[in-house]
Amino acid sequence: MSSYSVRHAEIADKEDIVIFMNTYWGSSHPLINNPVFLNYYFCSNGKLQFCLAEDENGIAALCGYILANCSNVPDIWVSIWCARKDARGAGITLMGKMKELTDCHVIACNNIRENTMAFYTFLGYTALRLPHYYRLADKNNYSVAKVANKNILPLNGSVSLVEILDNTILEKVFANTANIYPEKDIWYIKRRYFDYPMQNRQKYRIFGVQGASGNKYSELLVLRATIVNGVTVLRIVDFIGCPAVFCELGNAIATIMEEENAEYTDFYCYGIDKDILTKAGFTERLRDDENVIPNYLDPPLYENTEYFFFTDTTKNFTMFKADGDQDRSNI
């Protein structure tokens, strides 16, 4: 195995990173070859979010990451990991140094391949399936979901959801006090949901969970509506705050479903107990489930989709569909 030097990339490395990816990725990566997305996901505060392993021939491997917050010791999601075919061990060397190179607190990755889970376990991470939950509207027929077993659970909760319409309001009302990781601060929420660069195709709605603290919200629910052949589907893509609070949101989410005339709402999530989601009226979609709750809707693909992830800690850890570089429009 060759010896590699590792370092954090500089802004001046951007062109070389694009060339490397176009040479060794095997296809045109949409987040690398679209300048808007390259800057959105991998550039912030004048810093390029890549780390490199190098040898005498230049870049041997690279790893791009996404910030969950702008702390000096941030939490990060690995997004892109690529190595030269002839650079044996370069990718492993680099991944083993990512925490040191980024000074991060928690490192995770959303949507890894199932057949690589043992590899990440070997590196010391925990690799798991991302659970999938859903709630059906009570309809006679379903156009998007394929329902063999119509299971609609009772609703619970009297907590209200109040929509937060812009960044200025968010800064005034959000006060995250939960000890949950990755920690998502106001900088991240604004960047990820209010400043998403394809708002014309994929627009998010952010709701504060109305609690005892009046106009201050310790929890946020993020969802978006997707229209599939004239039928609305709701996707919950993030929940920020104390997971136990989610059990109180059943009636409020059902109200939004009624307002949108949604066929169903689905939720990929880890870190919220199944009992909590059941109390909120959500049914778990199992791997061998007879019901089909499609994930890919643009264009629609009428089959169940499994997500897998890795993390270096499961304590107070959550993972949702929009984490990392997931929940993005087809480009």
Protein backbone atom coordinates (compact mmCIF):
# COMPACT_ATOMS: atom_id res chain seq x y z
CA MET A 1 0.00 0.00 0.00
CA SER A 2 1.42 3.38 -0.99
CA SER A 3 2.01 6.20 1.45
CA TYR A 4 -0.39 9.11 1.12
CA SER A 5 -0.37 12.61 2.54
CA VAL A 6 -3.71 14.04 3.60
CA ARG A 7 -4.90 17.61 3.92
CA HIS A 8 -7.96 19.82 3.85
CA ALA A 9 -8.61 21.27 0.41
CA GLU A 10 -8.27 24.96 -0.42
CA ILE A 11 -10.48 27.04 -2.69
CA ALA A 12 -7.69 26.87 -5.28
CA ASP A 13 -8.22 23.08 -5.49
CA LYS A 14 -11.78 23.39 -6.83
CA GLU A 15 -10.90 22.99 -10.52
CA ASP A 16 -8.66 19.99 -9.83
CA ILE A 17 -11.44 18.37 -7.79
CA VAL A 18 -13.92 18.78 -10.66
CA ILE A 19 -11.42 17.28 -13.11
CA PHE A 20 -10.68 14.37 -10.75
CA MET A 21 -14.38 13.59 -10.28
CA ASN A 22 -15.06 13.71 -14.01
CA THR A 23 -12.14 11.35 -14.59
CA TYR A 24 -12.73 8.79 -11.82
CA TRP A 25 -16.38 8.94 -10.69
CA GLY A 26 -17.61 7.04 -13.74
CA SER A 27 -20.37 9.49 -14.67
CA SER A 28 -21.09 13.19 -14.50
CA HIS A 29 -21.86 13.92 -10.85
CA PRO A 30 -24.70 16.51 -10.70
CA LEU A 31 -23.40 18.21 -7.55
CA ILE A 32 -19.93 18.66 -9.04
CA ASN A 33 -20.72 19.72 -12.61
CA ASN A 34 -23.48 22.17 -11.71
CA PRO A 35 -21.65 25.25 -10.34
CA VAL A 36 -24.70 26.37 -8.35
CA PHE A 37 -24.91 23.06 -6.50
CA LEU A 38 -21.14 22.75 -6.09
CA ASN A 39 -21.07 26.10 -4.30
CA TYR A 40 -24.28 25.46 -2.38
CA TYR A 41 -23.29 22.09 -0.93
CA PHE A 42 -19.51 22.35 -0.67
CA CYS A 43 -18.54 26.01 -0.25
CA SER A 44 -19.33 28.19 2.77
CA ASN A 45 -17.64 31.01 4.64
CA GLY A 46 -14.87 31.10 2.03
CA LYS A 47 -13.96 27.44 2.61
CA LEU A 48 -14.12 24.44 0.27
CA GLN A 49 -15.57 21.40 2.05
CA PHE A 50 -13.30 18.68 0.65
CA CYS A 51 -10.38 16.72 2.03
CA LEU A 52 -7.69 15.15 -0.12
CA ALA A 53 -5.27 12.23 -0.07
CA GLU A 54 -2.33 12.80 -2.40
CA ASP A 55 0.68 10.96 -3.77
CA GLU A 56 3.38 11.73 -6.35
CA ASN A 57 0.69 11.69 -9.08
CA GLY A 58 -1.55 14.28 -7.42
CA ILE A 59 -4.97 13.61 -5.93
CA ALA A 60 -5.37 9.94 -5.02
CA ALA A 61 -8.72 10.26 -3.20
CA LEU A 62 -11.12 12.95 -2.13
CA CYS A 63 -14.00 13.27 0.31
CA GLY A 64 -16.57 16.06 0.20
CA TYR A 65 -18.70 16.87 3.22
CA ILE A 66 -21.68 19.03 4.21
CA LEU A 67 -21.95 21.10 7.37
CA ALA A 68 -24.85 20.73 9.81
CA ASN A 69 -23.80 23.91 11.62
CA CYS A 70 -21.18 26.65 11.45
CA SER A 71 -19.55 25.87 14.78
CA ASN A 72 -15.77 25.72 15.14
CA VAL A 73 -16.34 22.03 15.93
CA PRO A 74 -19.15 21.24 13.49
CA ASP A 75 -21.16 18.09 12.83
CA ILE A 76 -20.81 16.90 9.24
CA TRP A 77 -22.28 14.53 6.68
CA VAL A 78 -19.96 12.82 4.21
CA SER A 79 -21.34 13.36 0.72
CA ILE A 80 -18.80 12.38 -1.96
CA TRP A 81 -16.01 9.81 -1.59
CA CYS A 82 -13.93 8.90 -4.63
CA ALA A 83 -10.50 7.37 -5.22
CA ARG A 84 -8.27 6.61 -8.19
CA LYS A 85 -8.49 2.97 -9.19
CA ASP A 86 -4.71 2.52 -8.92
CA ALA A 87 -4.45 4.26 -5.52
CA ARG A 88 -4.84 1.28 -3.22
CA GLY A 89 -5.87 2.26 0.29
CA ALA A 90 -6.10 5.99 -0.47
CA GLY A 91 -9.83 6.17 0.19
CA ILE A 92 -9.55 4.23 3.47
CA THR A 93 -6.63 6.39 4.59
CA LEU A 94 -8.58 9.56 3.89
CA MET A 95 -11.81 8.40 5.54
CA GLY A 96 -9.85 7.46 8.64
CA LYS A 97 -8.55 11.04 8.87
CA MET A 98 -11.81 12.92 8.16
CA LYS A 99 -12.63 13.79 11.77
CA GLU A 100 -9.13 15.12 12.34
CA LEU A 101 -9.04 17.08 9.09
CA THR A 102 -12.44 18.70 9.60
CA ASP A 103 -12.28 19.15 13.41
CA CYS A 104 -15.81 17.78 13.51
CA HIS A 105 -17.75 16.49 16.50
CA VAL A 106 -20.08 13.98 14.79
CA ILE A 107 -19.58 12.46 11.34
CA ALA A 108 -22.30 10.58 9.44
CA CYS A 109 -23.40 9.79 5.90
CA ASN A 110 -26.91 9.45 4.48
CA ASN A 111 -27.73 6.92 1.75
CA ILE A 112 -24.80 4.51 1.61
CA ARG A 113 -25.07 1.31 -0.39
CA GLU A 114 -26.31 -1.67 1.58
CA ASN A 115 -23.46 -3.83 0.33
CA THR A 116 -20.92 -1.41 1.86
CA MET A 117 -22.32 -1.53 5.40
CA ALA A 118 -19.81 -4.15 6.54
CA PHE A 119 -17.01 -1.98 5.19
CA TYR A 120 -18.10 1.03 7.25
CA THR A 121 -18.49 -1.21 10.30
CA PHE A 122 -14.89 -2.33 9.72
CA LEU A 123 -13.84 1.33 9.82
CA GLY A 124 -15.48 1.68 13.25
CA TYR A 125 -18.77 3.30 12.28
CA THR A 126 -22.30 2.08 12.97
CA ALA A 127 -24.16 1.29 9.73
CA LEU A 128 -27.95 0.91 9.83
CA ARG A 129 -31.12 0.92 7.74
CA LEU A 130 -33.08 4.17 7.86
CA PRO A 131 -36.63 3.33 9.05
CA HIS A 132 -39.58 4.49 6.94
CA TYR A 133 -42.99 5.54 8.32
CA TYR A 134 -46.18 6.76 6.70
CA ARG A 135 -49.75 7.84 7.37
CA LEU A 136 -52.49 7.19 4.82
CA ALA A 137 -55.40 9.51 4.30
CA ASP A 138 -58.70 7.65 4.52
CA LYS A 139 -59.55 7.27 0.84
CA ASN A 140 -61.43 4.68 -1.18
CA ASN A 141 -58.66 4.48 -3.78
CA TYR A 142 -54.98 5.42 -3.86
CA SER A 143 -53.17 6.62 -6.96
CA VAL A 144 -49.56 6.91 -5.76
CA ALA A 145 -49.34 4.48 -2.84
CA LYS A 146 -50.12 0.83 -3.52
CA VAL A 147 -52.22 -0.21 -0.53
CA ALA A 148 -52.76 -3.90 0.15
CA ASN A 149 -53.36 -3.36 3.87
CA LYS A 150 -55.14 -0.13 4.79
CA ASN A 151 -53.89 0.56 8.30
CA ILE A 152 -54.78 4.02 9.64
CA LEU A 153 -53.77 4.49 13.27
CA PRO A 154 -55.59 6.69 15.83
CA LEU A 155 -54.33 10.24 16.18
CA ASN A 156 -52.83 11.87 19.24
CA GLY A 157 -51.69 15.30 20.36
CA SER A 158 -53.02 18.79 20.89
CA VAL A 159 -49.87 20.72 19.98
CA SER A 160 -50.19 23.24 17.14
CA LEU A 161 -47.83 23.82 14.23
CA VAL A 162 -47.18 27.44 13.24
CA GLU A 163 -45.65 28.06 9.82
CA ILE A 164 -42.45 30.13 9.73
CA LEU A 165 -42.44 32.02 6.47
CA ASP A 166 -39.00 33.63 6.24
CA ASN A 167 -35.50 33.87 7.68
CA THR A 168 -36.21 36.96 9.75
CA ILE A 169 -39.03 35.26 11.63
CA LEU A 170 -36.92 32.12 12.12
CA GLU A 171 -34.21 34.11 13.89
CA LYS A 172 -36.78 35.55 16.28
CA VAL A 173 -38.69 32.40 17.17
CA PHE A 174 -36.31 29.41 17.05
CA ALA A 175 -34.47 28.38 20.20
CA ASN A 176 -33.05 24.87 19.91
CA THR A 177 -32.37 23.48 23.39
CA ALA A 178 -32.26 19.76 22.56
CA ASN A 179 -29.04 17.82 22.99
CA ILE A 180 -29.45 16.07 19.64
CA TYR A 181 -26.86 15.40 16.94
CA PRO A 182 -26.11 16.44 14.30
CA GLU A 183 -26.80 19.85 15.79
CA LYS A 184 -28.60 22.04 13.26
CA ASP A 185 -28.30 25.75 13.91
CA ILE A 186 -30.14 28.72 12.36
CA TRP A 187 -27.36 29.13 9.79
CA TYR A 188 -27.99 25.59 8.52
CA ILE A 189 -31.79 25.82 8.56
CA LYS A 190 -31.75 29.06 6.56
CA ARG A 191 -29.26 27.69 4.07
CA ARG A 192 -30.87 24.26 3.68
CA TYR A 193 -34.54 25.20 3.48
CA PHE A 194 -35.05 28.92 2.85
CA ASP A 195 -32.09 29.30 0.47
CA TYR A 196 -32.38 26.00 -1.40
CA PRO A 197 -31.38 26.89 -5.00
CA MET A 198 -34.25 25.11 -6.80
CA GLN A 199 -37.23 26.64 -5.01
CA ASN A 200 -39.19 26.63 -8.25
CA ARG A 201 -39.10 22.80 -8.24
CA GLN A 202 -38.82 21.91 -4.58
CA LYS A 203 -40.11 24.28 -1.91
CA TYR A 204 -39.99 23.53 1.81
CA ARG A 205 -42.42 24.53 4.53
CA ILE A 206 -41.02 25.03 8.04
CA PHE A 207 -43.28 24.83 11.09
CA GLY A 208 -42.57 25.72 14.69
CA VAL A 209 -44.02 23.42 17.33
CA GLN A 210 -46.19 25.56 19.58
CA GLY A 211 -45.25 24.74 23.17
CA ALA A 212 -45.36 26.23 26.62
CA SER A 213 -42.74 28.86 25.76
CA GLY A 214 -45.17 31.10 23.90
CA ASN A 215 -43.75 32.42 20.64
CA LYS A 216 -40.40 30.62 21.00
CA TYR A 217 -40.14 27.21 19.35
CA SER A 218 -37.70 24.54 20.51
CA GLU A 219 -38.78 22.14 17.75
CA LEU A 220 -39.19 22.56 14.01
CA LEU A 221 -40.95 20.30 11.50
CA VAL A 222 -39.93 20.55 7.84
CA LEU A 223 -42.08 19.16 5.03
CA ARG A 224 -42.78 19.62 1.38
CA ALA A 225 -45.62 18.72 -0.94
CA THR A 226 -45.08 16.81 -4.18
CA ILE A 227 -47.68 16.60 -6.94
CA VAL A 228 -47.74 13.24 -8.76
CA ASN A 229 -50.12 13.16 -11.72
CA GLY A 230 -52.41 15.62 -9.98
CA VAL A 231 -52.25 13.86 -6.59
CA THR A 232 -50.55 15.48 -3.58
CA VAL A 233 -48.10 13.59 -1.37
CA LEU A 234 -46.54 15.11 1.76
CA ARG A 235 -42.95 14.34 2.72
CA ILE A 236 -41.68 15.09 6.24
CA VAL A 237 -37.96 15.56 5.60
CA ASP A 238 -36.64 16.89 8.93
CA PHE A 239 -37.51 17.28 12.59
CA ILE A 240 -35.27 19.49 14.72
CA GLY A 241 -35.53 19.33 18.50
CA CYS A 242 -36.55 16.84 21.17
CA PRO A 243 -37.75 13.58 19.50
CA ALA A 244 -40.25 12.85 22.31
CA VAL A 245 -42.30 15.90 21.28
CA PHE A 246 -43.20 14.29 17.95
CA CYS A 247 -45.89 12.10 19.58
CA GLU A 248 -47.93 15.28 20.17
CA LEU A 249 -48.02 16.25 16.48
CA GLY A 250 -50.43 13.68 15.05
CA ASN A 251 -53.52 15.86 14.84
CA ALA A 252 -51.60 18.88 13.57
CA ILE A 253 -49.99 16.86 10.75
CA ALA A 254 -53.36 15.32 9.88
CA THR A 255 -54.80 18.84 9.60
CA ILE A 256 -52.12 19.80 7.06
CA MET A 257 -52.86 16.58 5.14
CA GLU A 258 -56.53 17.57 4.96
CA GLU A 259 -55.70 21.12 3.85
CA GLU A 260 -53.45 19.76 1.08
CA ASN A 261 -55.81 16.86 0.25
CA ALA A 262 -52.72 14.65 0.50
CA GLU A 263 -52.96 10.94 -0.26
CA TYR A 264 -50.36 10.12 2.37
CA THR A 265 -47.49 11.55 4.41
CA ASP A 266 -44.21 9.67 4.71
CA PHE A 267 -41.17 10.10 6.97
CA TYR A 268 -37.73 8.48 6.77
CA CYS A 269 -36.20 8.86 10.20
CA TYR A 270 -33.82 7.37 12.75
CA GLY A 271 -33.67 8.54 16.36
CA ILE A 272 -37.39 8.91 17.02
CA ASP A 273 -38.71 5.78 18.74
CA LYS A 274 -41.30 3.71 16.92
CA ASP A 275 -43.70 4.07 19.88
CA ILE A 276 -43.55 7.85 19.56
CA LEU A 277 -44.30 7.74 15.84
CA THR A 278 -47.10 5.23 16.39
CA LYS A 279 -48.72 7.59 18.92
CA ALA A 280 -48.55 10.31 16.27
CA GLY A 281 -50.49 8.05 13.89
CA PHE A 282 -47.62 6.78 11.71
CA THR A 283 -47.24 3.19 10.56
CA GLU A 284 -43.83 1.63 9.95
CA ARG A 285 -43.19 0.47 6.40
CA LEU A 286 -41.21 -2.76 6.72
CA ARG A 287 -38.72 -4.15 4.19
CA ASP A 288 -41.08 -6.89 3.08
CA ASP A 289 -44.19 -4.73 3.36
CA GLU A 290 -47.16 -5.46 1.10
CA ASN A 291 -47.85 -1.73 0.91
CA VAL A 292 -45.77 0.36 -1.47
CA ILE A 293 -44.98 3.91 -0.34
CA PRO A 294 -42.91 5.32 -3.21
CA ASN A 295 -39.89 7.46 -2.48
CA TYR A 296 -38.94 8.62 -5.97
CA LEU A 297 -41.78 10.77 -7.27
CA ASP A 298 -40.20 12.98 -9.94
CA PRO A 299 -40.72 10.97 -12.08
CA PRO A 300 -42.70 8.43 -10.02
CA LEU A 301 -41.16 5.02 -9.35
CA TYR A 302 -43.81 2.75 -7.84
CA GLU A 303 -41.66 0.69 -5.50
CA ASN A 304 -40.33 0.90 -1.95
CA THR A 305 -36.88 2.40 -1.49
CA GLU A 306 -34.45 1.54 1.30
CA TYR A 307 -31.97 4.04 2.71
CA PHE A 308 -28.90 3.10 4.74
CA PHE A 309 -26.51 5.33 6.66
CA PHE A 310 -23.46 5.33 8.88
CA THR A 311 -22.58 7.37 11.96
CA ASP A 312 -19.76 7.45 14.47
CA THR A 313 -22.27 7.69 17.33
CA THR A 314 -25.86 6.61 17.93
CA LYS A 315 -26.25 8.46 21.24
CA ASN A 316 -28.77 11.30 20.85
CA PHE A 317 -28.36 10.88 17.10
CA THR A 318 -30.99 11.44 14.41
CA MET A 319 -31.06 10.93 10.66
CA PHE A 320 -33.74 12.20 8.27
CA LYS A 321 -34.35 12.18 4.54
CA ALA A 322 -33.07 15.73 3.93
CA ASP A 323 -29.81 15.21 5.83
CA GLY A 324 -26.57 15.43 3.86
CA ASP A 325 -27.07 15.75 0.12
CA GLN A 326 -30.36 13.82 0.01
CA ASP A 327 -33.88 15.04 -0.83
CA ARG A 328 -32.83 16.93 -3.90
CA SER A 329 -34.53 17.37 -7.24
CA ASN A 330 -33.39 15.41 -10.25
CA ILE A 331 -30.96 17.64 -12.11
